[in-house]
């Protein structure tokens, strides 16, 4: 998954303002206690980060975006 696709999916699932907040502020156990931004900056694959988002927010991410 390209990084642009990742951000588009995150914004579609959470809205532009909230997506940025989640990426910056929310620590996910699925990412070893890192935020989305930290995981991506450390070289984590976007697909793995997206799977972590889907696991952390199963009710927020529509099935078509999984």
PDB file of N, CA and C in Angstrom:
ATOM      1  N   UNK A   1       0.852  -1.166   0.000  1.00  0.00           N
ATOM      2  CA  UNK A   1       0.000   0.000   0.000  1.00  0.00           C
ATOM      3  C   UNK A   1       0.906   1.240   0.000  1.00  0.00           C
ATOM      4  N   UNK A   2       0.591   2.158  -0.877  1.00  0.00           N
ATOM      5  CA  UNK A   2       1.347   3.409  -0.922  1.00  0.00           C
ATOM      6  C   UNK A   2       0.952   4.293   0.252  1.00  0.00           C
ATOM      7  N   UNK A   3       1.850   5.153   0.645  1.00  0.00           N
ATOM      8  CA  UNK A   3       1.604   6.051   1.767  1.00  0.00           C
ATOM      9  C   UNK A   3       0.417   6.974   1.483  1.00  0.00           C
ATOM     10  N   UNK A   4       0.275   7.421   0.250  1.00  0.00           N
ATOM     11  CA  UNK A   4      -0.870   8.282  -0.091  1.00  0.00           C
ATOM     12  C   UNK A   4      -2.183   7.531   0.073  1.00  0.00           C
ATOM     13  N   UNK A   5      -2.192   6.246  -0.279  1.00  0.00           N
ATOM     14  CA  UNK A   5      -3.396   5.422  -0.090  1.00  0.00           C
ATOM     15  C   UNK A   5      -3.708   5.254   1.395  1.00  0.00           C
ATOM     16  N   UNK A   6      -2.656   5.040   2.180  1.00  0.00           N
ATOM     17  CA  UNK A   6      -2.836   4.903   3.621  1.00  0.00           C
ATOM     18  C   UNK A   6      -3.525   6.138   4.197  1.00  0.00           C
ATOM     19  N   UNK A   7      -2.986   7.327   3.894  1.00  0.00           N
ATOM     20  CA  UNK A   7      -3.559   8.559   4.447  1.00  0.00           C
ATOM     21  C   UNK A   7      -4.975   8.804   3.933  1.00  0.00           C
ATOM     22  N   UNK A   8      -5.240   8.461   2.679  1.00  0.00           N
ATOM     23  CA  UNK A   8      -6.592   8.618   2.139  1.00  0.00           C
ATOM     24  C   UNK A   8      -7.578   7.715   2.885  1.00  0.00           C
ATOM     25  N   UNK A   9      -7.185   6.494   3.158  1.00  0.00           N
ATOM     26  CA  UNK A   9      -8.057   5.566   3.898  1.00  0.00           C
ATOM     27  C   UNK A   9      -8.282   6.049   5.331  1.00  0.00           C
ATOM     28  N   UNK A  10      -7.200   6.507   5.974  1.00  0.00           N
ATOM     29  CA  UNK A  10      -7.327   6.984   7.350  1.00  0.00           C
ATOM     30  C   UNK A  10      -8.273   8.182   7.417  1.00  0.00           C
ATOM     31  N   UNK A  11      -8.130   9.101   6.465  1.00  0.00           N
ATOM     32  CA  UNK A  11      -9.011  10.271   6.436  1.00  0.00           C
ATOM     33  C   UNK A  11     -10.448   9.898   6.103  1.00  0.00           C
ATOM     34  N   UNK A  12     -10.632   8.928   5.247  1.00  0.00           N
ATOM     35  CA  UNK A  12     -11.996   8.497   4.927  1.00  0.00           C
ATOM     36  C   UNK A  12     -12.659   7.838   6.138  1.00  0.00           C
ATOM     37  N   UNK A  13     -11.889   7.070   6.883  1.00  0.00           N
ATOM     38  CA  UNK A  13     -12.444   6.371   8.041  1.00  0.00           C
ATOM     39  C   UNK A  13     -12.716   7.313   9.212  1.00  0.00           C
ATOM     40  N   UNK A  14     -11.866   8.312   9.418  1.00  0.00           N
ATOM     41  CA  UNK A  14     -11.960   9.145  10.617  1.00  0.00           C
ATOM     42  C   UNK A  14     -12.255  10.615  10.356  1.00  0.00           C
ATOM     43  N   UNK A  15     -12.200  11.044   9.106  1.00  0.00           N
ATOM     44  CA  UNK A  15     -12.325  12.458   8.801  1.00  0.00           C
ATOM     45  C   UNK A  15     -10.946  13.104   8.863  1.00  0.00           C
ATOM     46  N   UNK A  16     -10.727  14.155   8.077  1.00  0.00           N
ATOM     47  CA  UNK A  16      -9.391  14.742   7.963  1.00  0.00           C
ATOM     48  C   UNK A  16      -8.799  15.222   9.292  1.00  0.00           C
ATOM     49  N   UNK A  17      -9.544  15.944  10.083  1.00  0.00           N
ATOM     50  CA  UNK A  17      -9.021  16.472  11.339  1.00  0.00           C
ATOM     51  C   UNK A  17      -8.744  15.396  12.367  1.00  0.00           C
ATOM     52  N   UNK A  18      -9.665  14.482  12.516  1.00  0.00           N
ATOM     53  CA  UNK A  18      -9.519  13.425  13.514  1.00  0.00           C
ATOM     54  C   UNK A  18      -8.442  12.427  13.100  1.00  0.00           C
ATOM     55  N   UNK A  19      -8.308  12.165  11.808  1.00  0.00           N
ATOM     56  CA  UNK A  19      -7.277  11.243  11.319  1.00  0.00           C
ATOM     57  C   UNK A  19      -5.893  11.756  11.689  1.00  0.00           C
ATOM     58  N   UNK A  20      -5.665  13.033  11.524  1.00  0.00           N
ATOM     59  CA  UNK A  20      -4.369  13.619  11.870  1.00  0.00           C
ATOM     60  C   UNK A  20      -4.108  13.499  13.369  1.00  0.00           C
ATOM     61  N   UNK A  21      -5.135  13.713  14.162  1.00  0.00           N
ATOM     62  CA  UNK A  21      -5.001  13.604  15.611  1.00  0.00           C
ATOM     63  C   UNK A  21      -4.689  12.166  16.032  1.00  0.00           C
ATOM     64  N   UNK A  22      -5.393  11.219  15.460  1.00  0.00           N
ATOM     65  CA  UNK A  22      -5.157   9.811  15.784  1.00  0.00           C
ATOM     66  C   UNK A  22      -3.729   9.415  15.395  1.00  0.00           C
ATOM     67  N   UNK A  23      -3.296   9.839  14.223  1.00  0.00           N
ATOM     68  CA  UNK A  23      -1.953   9.479  13.759  1.00  0.00           C
ATOM     69  C   UNK A  23      -0.868  10.064  14.657  1.00  0.00           C
ATOM     70  N   UNK A  24      -1.108  11.240  15.163  1.00  0.00           N
ATOM     71  CA  UNK A  24      -0.112  11.949  15.969  1.00  0.00           C
ATOM     72  C   UNK A  24      -0.158  11.562  17.442  1.00  0.00           C
ATOM     73  N   UNK A  25      -1.366  11.339  17.993  1.00  0.00           N
ATOM     74  CA  UNK A  25      -1.533  11.262  19.442  1.00  0.00           C
ATOM     75  C   UNK A  25      -1.870   9.883  20.008  1.00  0.00           C
ATOM     76  N   UNK A  26      -2.490   9.021  19.222  1.00  0.00           N
ATOM     77  CA  UNK A  26      -2.969   7.743  19.752  1.00  0.00           C
ATOM     78  C   UNK A  26      -1.893   6.673  19.697  1.00  0.00           C
ATOM     79  N   UNK A  27      -1.515   6.161  20.855  1.00  0.00           N
ATOM     80  CA  UNK A  27      -0.546   5.071  20.936  1.00  0.00           C
ATOM     81  C   UNK A  27      -1.302   3.752  20.776  1.00  0.00           C
ATOM     82  N   UNK A  28      -0.828   2.912  19.877  1.00  0.00           N
ATOM     83  CA  UNK A  28      -1.497   1.641  19.607  1.00  0.00           C
ATOM     84  C   UNK A  28      -0.635   0.481  20.092  1.00  0.00           C
ATOM     85  N   UNK A  29      -1.224  -0.393  20.870  1.00  0.00           N
ATOM     86  CA  UNK A  29      -0.481  -1.561  21.344  1.00  0.00           C
ATOM     87  C   UNK A  29      -0.062  -2.438  20.172  1.00  0.00           C
ATOM     88  N   UNK A  30      -0.874  -2.445  19.114  1.00  0.00           N
ATOM     89  CA  UNK A  30      -0.554  -3.245  17.929  1.00  0.00           C
ATOM     90  C   UNK A  30       0.706  -2.741  17.221  1.00  0.00           C
ATOM     91  N   UNK A  31       1.119  -1.513  17.539  1.00  0.00           N
ATOM     92  CA  UNK A  31       2.337  -0.946  16.953  1.00  0.00           C
ATOM     93  C   UNK A  31       3.452  -0.865  17.998  1.00  0.00           C
ATOM     94  N   UNK A  32       3.403  -1.756  18.949  1.00  0.00           N
ATOM     95  CA  UNK A  32       4.421  -1.812  20.009  1.00  0.00           C
ATOM     96  C   UNK A  32       4.501  -0.513  20.799  1.00  0.00           C
ATOM     97  N   UNK A  33       3.345   0.062  21.082  1.00  0.00           N
ATOM     98  CA  UNK A  33       3.297   1.259  21.907  1.00  0.00           C
ATOM     99  C   UNK A  33       3.734   2.529  21.197  1.00  0.00           C
ATOM    100  N   UNK A  34       3.629   2.524  19.878  1.00  0.00           N
ATOM    101  CA  UNK A  34       3.977   3.715  19.094  1.00  0.00           C
ATOM    102  C   UNK A  34       2.721   4.313  18.483  1.00  0.00           C
ATOM    103  N   UNK A  35       2.833   5.563  18.081  1.00  0.00           N
ATOM    104  CA  UNK A  35       1.757   6.182  17.322  1.00  0.00           C
ATOM    105  C   UNK A  35       1.906   5.772  15.857  1.00  0.00           C
ATOM    106  N   UNK A  36       0.897   6.068  15.076  1.00  0.00           N
ATOM    107  CA  UNK A  36       0.965   5.790  13.637  1.00  0.00           C
ATOM    108  C   UNK A  36       2.133   6.546  13.022  1.00  0.00           C
ATOM    109  N   UNK A  37       2.272   7.822  13.352  1.00  0.00           N
ATOM    110  CA  UNK A  37       3.364   8.623  12.806  1.00  0.00           C
ATOM    111  C   UNK A  37       4.725   8.040  13.188  1.00  0.00           C
ATOM    112  N   UNK A  38       4.873   7.622  14.425  1.00  0.00           N
ATOM    113  CA  UNK A  38       6.143   7.047  14.871  1.00  0.00           C
ATOM    114  C   UNK A  38       6.445   5.745  14.136  1.00  0.00           C
ATOM    115  N   UNK A  39       5.433   4.915  13.976  1.00  0.00           N
ATOM    116  CA  UNK A  39       5.630   3.631  13.292  1.00  0.00           C
ATOM    117  C   UNK A  39       6.039   3.854  11.834  1.00  0.00           C
ATOM    118  N   UNK A  40       5.369   4.758  11.166  1.00  0.00           N
ATOM    119  CA  UNK A  40       5.713   5.036   9.770  1.00  0.00           C
ATOM    120  C   UNK A  40       7.104   5.656   9.663  1.00  0.00           C
ATOM    121  N   UNK A  41       7.431   6.569  10.569  1.00  0.00           N
ATOM    122  CA  UNK A  41       8.746   7.222  10.542  1.00  0.00           C
ATOM    123  C   UNK A  41       9.882   6.232  10.803  1.00  0.00           C
ATOM    124  N   UNK A  42       9.591   5.176  11.559  1.00  0.00           N
ATOM    125  CA  UNK A  42      10.635   4.195  11.856  1.00  0.00           C
ATOM    126  C   UNK A  42      10.750   3.123  10.768  1.00  0.00           C
ATOM    127  N   UNK A  43       9.948   3.264   9.705  1.00  0.00           N
ATOM    128  CA  UNK A  43      10.069   2.352   8.577  1.00  0.00           C
ATOM    129  C   UNK A  43       9.098   1.195   8.550  1.00  0.00           C
ATOM    130  N   UNK A  44       8.135   1.198   9.459  1.00  0.00           N
ATOM    131  CA  UNK A  44       7.112   0.134   9.450  1.00  0.00           C
ATOM    132  C   UNK A  44       6.351   0.203   8.127  1.00  0.00           C
ATOM    133  N   UNK A  45       6.072  -0.940   7.556  1.00  0.00           N
ATOM    134  CA  UNK A  45       5.329  -0.982   6.286  1.00  0.00           C
ATOM    135  C   UNK A  45       3.922  -0.403   6.461  1.00  0.00           C
ATOM    136  N   UNK A  46       3.473   0.348   5.484  1.00  0.00           N
ATOM    137  CA  UNK A  46       2.156   0.979   5.584  1.00  0.00           C
ATOM    138  C   UNK A  46       1.048  -0.057   5.735  1.00  0.00           C
ATOM    139  N   UNK A  47       1.183  -1.190   5.072  1.00  0.00           N
ATOM    140  CA  UNK A  47       0.165  -2.245   5.180  1.00  0.00           C
ATOM    141  C   UNK A  47       0.071  -2.752   6.614  1.00  0.00           C
ATOM    142  N   UNK A  48       1.208  -2.920   7.277  1.00  0.00           N
ATOM    143  CA  UNK A  48       1.212  -3.385   8.664  1.00  0.00           C
ATOM    144  C   UNK A  48       0.594  -2.345   9.594  1.00  0.00           C
ATOM    145  N   UNK A  49       0.883  -1.088   9.332  1.00  0.00           N
ATOM    146  CA  UNK A  49       0.299  -0.020  10.151  1.00  0.00           C
ATOM    147  C   UNK A  49      -1.207   0.031   9.911  1.00  0.00           C
ATOM    148  N   UNK A  50      -1.630  -0.123   8.667  1.00  0.00           N
ATOM    149  CA  UNK A  50      -3.063  -0.106   8.376  1.00  0.00           C
ATOM    150  C   UNK A  50      -3.778  -1.269   9.067  1.00  0.00           C
ATOM    151  N   UNK A  51      -3.170  -2.438   9.074  1.00  0.00           N
ATOM    152  CA  UNK A  51      -3.767  -3.578   9.778  1.00  0.00           C
ATOM    153  C   UNK A  51      -3.909  -3.284  11.267  1.00  0.00           C
ATOM    154  N   UNK A  52      -2.930  -2.599  11.824  1.00  0.00           N
ATOM    155  CA  UNK A  52      -2.985  -2.218  13.244  1.00  0.00           C
ATOM    156  C   UNK A  52      -4.131  -1.237  13.490  1.00  0.00           C
ATOM    157  N   UNK A  53      -4.337  -0.308  12.584  1.00  0.00           N
ATOM    158  CA  UNK A  53      -5.451   0.644  12.711  1.00  0.00           C
ATOM    159  C   UNK A  53      -6.774  -0.119  12.656  1.00  0.00           C
ATOM    160  N   UNK A  54      -6.904  -1.029  11.710  1.00  0.00           N
ATOM    161  CA  UNK A  54      -8.140  -1.817  11.576  1.00  0.00           C
ATOM    162  C   UNK A  54      -8.401  -2.644  12.834  1.00  0.00           C
ATOM    163  N   UNK A  55      -7.360  -3.199  13.413  1.00  0.00           N
ATOM    164  CA  UNK A  55      -7.513  -3.999  14.632  1.00  0.00           C
ATOM    165  C   UNK A  55      -7.872  -3.132  15.832  1.00  0.00           C
ATOM    166  N   UNK A  56      -7.318  -1.946  15.885  1.00  0.00           N
ATOM    167  CA  UNK A  56      -7.571  -1.056  17.017  1.00  0.00           C
ATOM    168  C   UNK A  56      -8.945  -0.402  16.944  1.00  0.00           C
ATOM    169  N   UNK A  57      -9.448  -0.205  15.740  1.00  0.00           N
ATOM    170  CA  UNK A  57     -10.729   0.491  15.548  1.00  0.00           C
ATOM    171  C   UNK A  57     -11.653  -0.320  14.633  1.00  0.00           C
ATOM    172  N   UNK A  58     -12.029  -1.519  15.032  1.00  0.00           N
ATOM    173  CA  UNK A  58     -12.830  -2.358  14.131  1.00  0.00           C
ATOM    174  C   UNK A  58     -14.192  -1.772  13.787  1.00  0.00           C
ATOM    175  N   UNK A  59     -14.733  -0.959  14.660  1.00  0.00           N
ATOM    176  CA  UNK A  59     -16.053  -0.378  14.386  1.00  0.00           C
ATOM    177  C   UNK A  59     -15.974   0.903  13.562  1.00  0.00           C
ATOM    178  N   UNK A  60     -14.801   1.504  13.451  1.00  0.00           N
ATOM    179  CA  UNK A  60     -14.636   2.750  12.724  1.00  0.00           C
ATOM    180  C   UNK A  60     -14.240   2.561  11.278  1.00  0.00           C
ATOM    181  N   UNK A  61     -13.483   1.488  10.988  1.00  0.00           N
ATOM    182  CA  UNK A  61     -12.979   1.281   9.630  1.00  0.00           C
ATOM    183  C   UNK A  61     -13.980   0.418   8.863  1.00  0.00           C
ATOM    184  N   UNK A  62     -14.587   0.994   7.812  1.00  0.00           N
ATOM    185  CA  UNK A  62     -15.548   0.214   7.030  1.00  0.00           C
ATOM    186  C   UNK A  62     -14.888  -0.997   6.361  1.00  0.00           C
ATOM    187  N   UNK A  63     -15.658  -2.027   6.165  1.00  0.00           N
ATOM    188  CA  UNK A  63     -15.154  -3.274   5.572  1.00  0.00           C
ATOM    189  C   UNK A  63     -14.517  -3.021   4.211  1.00  0.00           C
ATOM    190  N   UNK A  64     -15.034  -2.108   3.438  1.00  0.00           N
ATOM    191  CA  UNK A  64     -14.495  -1.854   2.106  1.00  0.00           C
ATOM    192  C   UNK A  64     -13.108  -1.226   2.130  1.00  0.00           C
ATOM    193  N   UNK A  65     -12.712  -0.674   3.281  1.00  0.00           N
ATOM    194  CA  UNK A  65     -11.381  -0.075   3.402  1.00  0.00           C
ATOM    195  C   UNK A  65     -10.367  -1.038   4.008  1.00  0.00           C
ATOM    196  N   UNK A  66     -10.841  -2.169   4.460  1.00  0.00           N
ATOM    197  CA  UNK A  66      -9.925  -3.121   5.097  1.00  0.00           C
ATOM    198  C   UNK A  66      -9.153  -3.809   4.030  1.00  0.00           C
TER     199      UNK A  66
END
